[in-house]
Amino acid sequence: MSALDILGLSAGTLTTLSFMPQMLRILKRRSAEDLSYGALAFFISGISLWVWYGIALRSLPILLTNAVTLALNFSILVLKIAHDRGRALE
């Protein structure tokens, strides 16, 4: 693995980890009320394109870190939907 790959993996890891506090907050508060569906949709779309870009370039740092970010943000979206539906049933 090259120094450039390590740099890319490090940058992607830090970016991906930046979403962990949001995920933990949603789980702790059992609410994602302050998150926007539009923002999540745009972000997930953009990250999906980064994943395809990483595949096209055969770049492990781009592909791996964005795939993890995509999974994490998709999970946030699923939690938001679940919590919003639960709130609607109350």
N, C-alpha and C. Protein backbone atom coordinates (compact mmCIF):
# COMPACT_ATOMS: atom_id res chain seq x y z
N MET A 1 0.85 -1.17 0.00
CA MET A 1 0.00 0.00 0.00
C MET A 1 0.90 1.24 0.00
N SER A 2 0.58 2.18 -0.86
CA SER A 2 1.40 3.38 -0.99
C SER A 2 1.07 4.41 0.09
N ALA A 3 1.95 5.38 0.23
CA ALA A 3 1.72 6.47 1.17
C ALA A 3 0.47 7.26 0.77
N LEU A 4 0.23 7.38 -0.53
CA LEU A 4 -0.95 8.08 -1.02
C LEU A 4 -2.24 7.33 -0.64
N ASP A 5 -2.20 5.99 -0.72
CA ASP A 5 -3.35 5.19 -0.29
C ASP A 5 -3.60 5.36 1.21
N ILE A 6 -2.55 5.39 1.99
CA ILE A 6 -2.68 5.57 3.43
C ILE A 6 -3.27 6.95 3.73
N LEU A 7 -2.82 7.96 3.00
CA LEU A 7 -3.37 9.30 3.16
C LEU A 7 -4.87 9.30 2.84
N GLY A 8 -5.26 8.68 1.74
CA GLY A 8 -6.66 8.60 1.35
C GLY A 8 -7.51 7.85 2.35
N LEU A 9 -7.00 6.73 2.84
CA LEU A 9 -7.73 5.95 3.85
C LEU A 9 -7.87 6.74 5.15
N SER A 10 -6.83 7.45 5.54
CA SER A 10 -6.88 8.26 6.76
C SER A 10 -7.92 9.37 6.63
N ALA A 11 -7.90 10.07 5.51
CA ALA A 11 -8.87 11.15 5.28
C ALA A 11 -10.29 10.61 5.26
N GLY A 12 -10.49 9.53 4.56
CA GLY A 12 -11.82 8.93 4.48
C GLY A 12 -12.31 8.41 5.82
N THR A 13 -11.41 7.84 6.60
CA THR A 13 -11.78 7.33 7.92
C THR A 13 -12.22 8.47 8.83
N LEU A 14 -11.48 9.56 8.83
CA LEU A 14 -11.87 10.70 9.66
C LEU A 14 -13.20 11.28 9.22
N THR A 15 -13.41 11.38 7.92
CA THR A 15 -14.69 11.89 7.40
C THR A 15 -15.83 10.97 7.80
N THR A 16 -15.63 9.68 7.66
CA THR A 16 -16.66 8.71 8.01
C THR A 16 -16.97 8.75 9.50
N LEU A 17 -15.94 8.81 10.33
CA LEU A 17 -16.14 8.84 11.78
C LEU A 17 -16.87 10.09 12.24
N SER A 18 -16.84 11.14 11.42
CA SER A 18 -17.53 12.37 11.81
C SER A 18 -19.04 12.18 11.90
N PHE A 19 -19.57 11.10 11.32
CA PHE A 19 -21.00 10.83 11.38
C PHE A 19 -21.39 10.01 12.61
N MET A 20 -20.44 9.46 13.31
CA MET A 20 -20.74 8.63 14.47
C MET A 20 -21.46 9.40 15.58
N PRO A 21 -21.04 10.64 15.91
CA PRO A 21 -21.79 11.35 16.95
C PRO A 21 -23.27 11.54 16.60
N GLN A 22 -23.57 11.78 15.33
CA GLN A 22 -24.97 11.94 14.91
C GLN A 22 -25.72 10.62 15.10
N MET A 23 -25.11 9.52 14.68
CA MET A 23 -25.74 8.21 14.83
C MET A 23 -25.98 7.90 16.31
N LEU A 24 -25.00 8.14 17.14
CA LEU A 24 -25.14 7.87 18.57
C LEU A 24 -26.21 8.76 19.20
N ARG A 25 -26.29 10.01 18.75
CA ARG A 25 -27.31 10.92 19.27
C ARG A 25 -28.72 10.43 18.91
N ILE A 26 -28.88 9.98 17.69
CA ILE A 26 -30.19 9.46 17.26
C ILE A 26 -30.56 8.25 18.10
N LEU A 27 -29.62 7.35 18.30
CA LEU A 27 -29.90 6.15 19.09
C LEU A 27 -30.21 6.49 20.54
N LYS A 28 -29.47 7.44 21.11
CA LYS A 28 -29.67 7.82 22.51
C LYS A 28 -31.00 8.54 22.72
N ARG A 29 -31.29 9.51 21.83
CA ARG A 29 -32.50 10.32 21.99
C ARG A 29 -33.74 9.66 21.40
N ARG A 30 -33.51 8.63 20.59
CA ARG A 30 -34.62 7.97 19.89
C ARG A 30 -35.41 8.97 19.05
N SER A 31 -34.66 9.89 18.44
CA SER A 31 -35.28 10.91 17.62
C SER A 31 -34.28 11.39 16.57
N ALA A 32 -34.79 11.62 15.37
CA ALA A 32 -33.99 12.20 14.30
C ALA A 32 -34.77 13.37 13.70
N GLU A 33 -35.57 13.97 14.55
CA GLU A 33 -36.49 15.02 14.13
C GLU A 33 -35.80 16.19 13.44
N ASP A 34 -34.61 16.55 13.91
CA ASP A 34 -33.94 17.72 13.37
C ASP A 34 -33.16 17.45 12.09
N LEU A 35 -33.21 16.24 11.56
CA LEU A 35 -32.55 15.92 10.30
C LEU A 35 -33.51 16.11 9.13
N SER A 36 -32.99 16.61 8.04
CA SER A 36 -33.78 16.86 6.85
C SER A 36 -33.70 15.68 5.89
N TYR A 37 -34.87 15.24 5.40
CA TYR A 37 -34.89 14.17 4.39
C TYR A 37 -34.16 14.62 3.12
N GLY A 38 -34.36 15.87 2.75
CA GLY A 38 -33.71 16.38 1.54
C GLY A 38 -32.20 16.35 1.64
N ALA A 39 -31.67 16.81 2.76
CA ALA A 39 -30.22 16.80 2.95
C ALA A 39 -29.68 15.38 2.94
N LEU A 40 -30.37 14.48 3.62
CA LEU A 40 -29.94 13.07 3.61
C LEU A 40 -29.97 12.48 2.21
N ALA A 41 -31.02 12.79 1.45
CA ALA A 41 -31.14 12.26 0.09
C ALA A 41 -30.01 12.77 -0.80
N PHE A 42 -29.72 14.07 -0.72
CA PHE A 42 -28.63 14.62 -1.52
C PHE A 42 -27.29 14.02 -1.11
N PHE A 43 -27.06 13.91 0.20
CA PHE A 43 -25.79 13.38 0.67
C PHE A 43 -25.61 11.92 0.26
N ILE A 44 -26.65 11.12 0.46
CA ILE A 44 -26.58 9.71 0.08
C ILE A 44 -26.36 9.56 -1.42
N SER A 45 -27.00 10.40 -2.22
CA SER A 45 -26.80 10.37 -3.68
C SER A 45 -25.35 10.70 -4.02
N GLY A 46 -24.82 11.74 -3.39
CA GLY A 46 -23.43 12.12 -3.66
C GLY A 46 -22.44 11.04 -3.25
N ILE A 47 -22.65 10.46 -2.09
CA ILE A 47 -21.76 9.38 -1.62
C ILE A 47 -21.87 8.16 -2.53
N SER A 48 -23.06 7.88 -3.03
CA SER A 48 -23.23 6.77 -3.99
C SER A 48 -22.39 7.01 -5.23
N LEU A 49 -22.38 8.24 -5.70
CA LEU A 49 -21.54 8.56 -6.87
C LEU A 49 -20.06 8.41 -6.55
N TRP A 50 -19.65 8.79 -5.34
CA TRP A 50 -18.25 8.58 -4.94
C TRP A 50 -17.88 7.10 -4.93
N VAL A 51 -18.82 6.27 -4.50
CA VAL A 51 -18.57 4.82 -4.51
C VAL A 51 -18.35 4.35 -5.95
N TRP A 52 -19.22 4.77 -6.86
CA TRP A 52 -19.05 4.38 -8.27
C TRP A 52 -17.75 4.93 -8.84
N TYR A 53 -17.38 6.13 -8.45
CA TYR A 53 -16.12 6.73 -8.90
C TYR A 53 -14.94 5.90 -8.40
N GLY A 54 -15.00 5.47 -7.14
CA GLY A 54 -13.94 4.62 -6.59
C GLY A 54 -13.85 3.29 -7.31
N ILE A 55 -15.01 2.74 -7.69
CA ILE A 55 -15.01 1.49 -8.46
C ILE A 55 -14.36 1.71 -9.82
N ALA A 56 -14.75 2.81 -10.50
CA ALA A 56 -14.21 3.10 -11.83
C ALA A 56 -12.70 3.30 -11.80
N LEU A 57 -12.22 3.95 -10.75
CA LEU A 57 -10.78 4.19 -10.63
C LEU A 57 -10.02 3.02 -10.01
N ARG A 58 -10.78 2.07 -9.49
CA ARG A 58 -10.19 0.95 -8.74
C ARG A 58 -9.33 1.48 -7.60
N SER A 59 -9.92 2.46 -6.91
CA SER A 59 -9.24 3.11 -5.79
C SER A 59 -9.83 2.61 -4.48
N LEU A 60 -9.08 1.79 -3.78
CA LEU A 60 -9.55 1.24 -2.51
C LEU A 60 -9.89 2.33 -1.49
N PRO A 61 -9.05 3.36 -1.31
CA PRO A 61 -9.40 4.38 -0.32
C PRO A 61 -10.73 5.07 -0.62
N ILE A 62 -10.97 5.44 -1.88
CA ILE A 62 -12.22 6.11 -2.24
C ILE A 62 -13.39 5.14 -2.09
N LEU A 63 -13.24 3.96 -2.59
CA LEU A 63 -14.32 2.98 -2.55
C LEU A 63 -14.66 2.57 -1.12
N LEU A 64 -13.69 2.17 -0.36
CA LEU A 64 -13.92 1.64 0.98
C LEU A 64 -14.51 2.68 1.92
N THR A 65 -13.88 3.85 1.98
CA THR A 65 -14.35 4.84 2.95
C THR A 65 -15.73 5.38 2.57
N ASN A 66 -15.99 5.54 1.29
CA ASN A 66 -17.31 6.03 0.89
C ASN A 66 -18.38 4.96 1.02
N ALA A 67 -18.03 3.71 0.85
CA ALA A 67 -19.00 2.62 1.06
C ALA A 67 -19.42 2.58 2.53
N VAL A 68 -18.48 2.74 3.43
CA VAL A 68 -18.80 2.76 4.86
C VAL A 68 -19.65 3.99 5.20
N THR A 69 -19.27 5.15 4.65
CA THR A 69 -20.04 6.37 4.87
C THR A 69 -21.45 6.21 4.33
N LEU A 70 -21.59 5.58 3.18
CA LEU A 70 -22.91 5.34 2.59
C LEU A 70 -23.76 4.45 3.50
N ALA A 71 -23.17 3.38 3.99
CA ALA A 71 -23.90 2.47 4.89
C ALA A 71 -24.32 3.19 6.17
N LEU A 72 -23.44 3.99 6.72
CA LEU A 72 -23.74 4.71 7.94
C LEU A 72 -24.87 5.72 7.72
N ASN A 73 -24.81 6.45 6.63
CA ASN A 73 -25.86 7.45 6.37
C ASN A 73 -27.17 6.81 5.93
N PHE A 74 -27.11 5.68 5.28
CA PHE A 74 -28.34 4.95 4.96
C PHE A 74 -28.99 4.48 6.26
N SER A 75 -28.16 4.05 7.22
CA SER A 75 -28.68 3.64 8.53
C SER A 75 -29.33 4.81 9.25
N ILE A 76 -28.72 5.99 9.15
CA ILE A 76 -29.31 7.19 9.74
C ILE A 76 -30.66 7.48 9.11
N LEU A 77 -30.76 7.33 7.78
CA LEU A 77 -32.03 7.55 7.09
C LEU A 77 -33.09 6.55 7.56
N VAL A 78 -32.71 5.29 7.69
CA VAL A 78 -33.65 4.26 8.15
C VAL A 78 -34.12 4.58 9.57
N LEU A 79 -33.21 5.00 10.44
CA LEU A 79 -33.59 5.38 11.80
C LEU A 79 -34.53 6.58 11.80
N LYS A 80 -34.27 7.55 10.94
CA LYS A 80 -35.14 8.72 10.86
C LYS A 80 -36.55 8.30 10.44
N ILE A 81 -36.64 7.47 9.42
CA ILE A 81 -37.95 6.99 8.96
C ILE A 81 -38.66 6.25 10.08
N ALA A 82 -37.95 5.36 10.75
CA ALA A 82 -38.56 4.57 11.84
C ALA A 82 -39.03 5.46 12.98
N HIS A 83 -38.21 6.42 13.38
CA HIS A 83 -38.59 7.30 14.47
C HIS A 83 -39.74 8.23 14.07
N ASP A 84 -39.72 8.71 12.84
CA ASP A 84 -40.82 9.57 12.38
C ASP A 84 -42.14 8.80 12.32
N ARG A 85 -42.08 7.56 11.88
CA ARG A 85 -43.29 6.73 11.85
C ARG A 85 -43.78 6.42 13.25
N GLY A 86 -42.86 6.15 14.14
CA GLY A 86 -43.23 5.88 15.53
C GLY A 86 -43.88 7.08 16.18
N ARG A 87 -43.37 8.26 15.87
CA ARG A 87 -43.94 9.49 16.41
C ARG A 87 -45.34 9.73 15.85
N ALA A 88 -45.55 9.36 14.59
CA ALA A 88 -46.86 9.54 13.95
C ALA A 88 -47.91 8.62 14.57
N LEU A 89 -47.47 7.49 15.12
CA LEU A 89 -48.39 6.52 15.71
C LEU A 89 -48.78 6.90 17.13
N GLU A 90 -48.07 7.84 17.73
CA GLU A 90 -48.36 8.20 19.13
C GLU A 90 -49.60 9.03 19.25
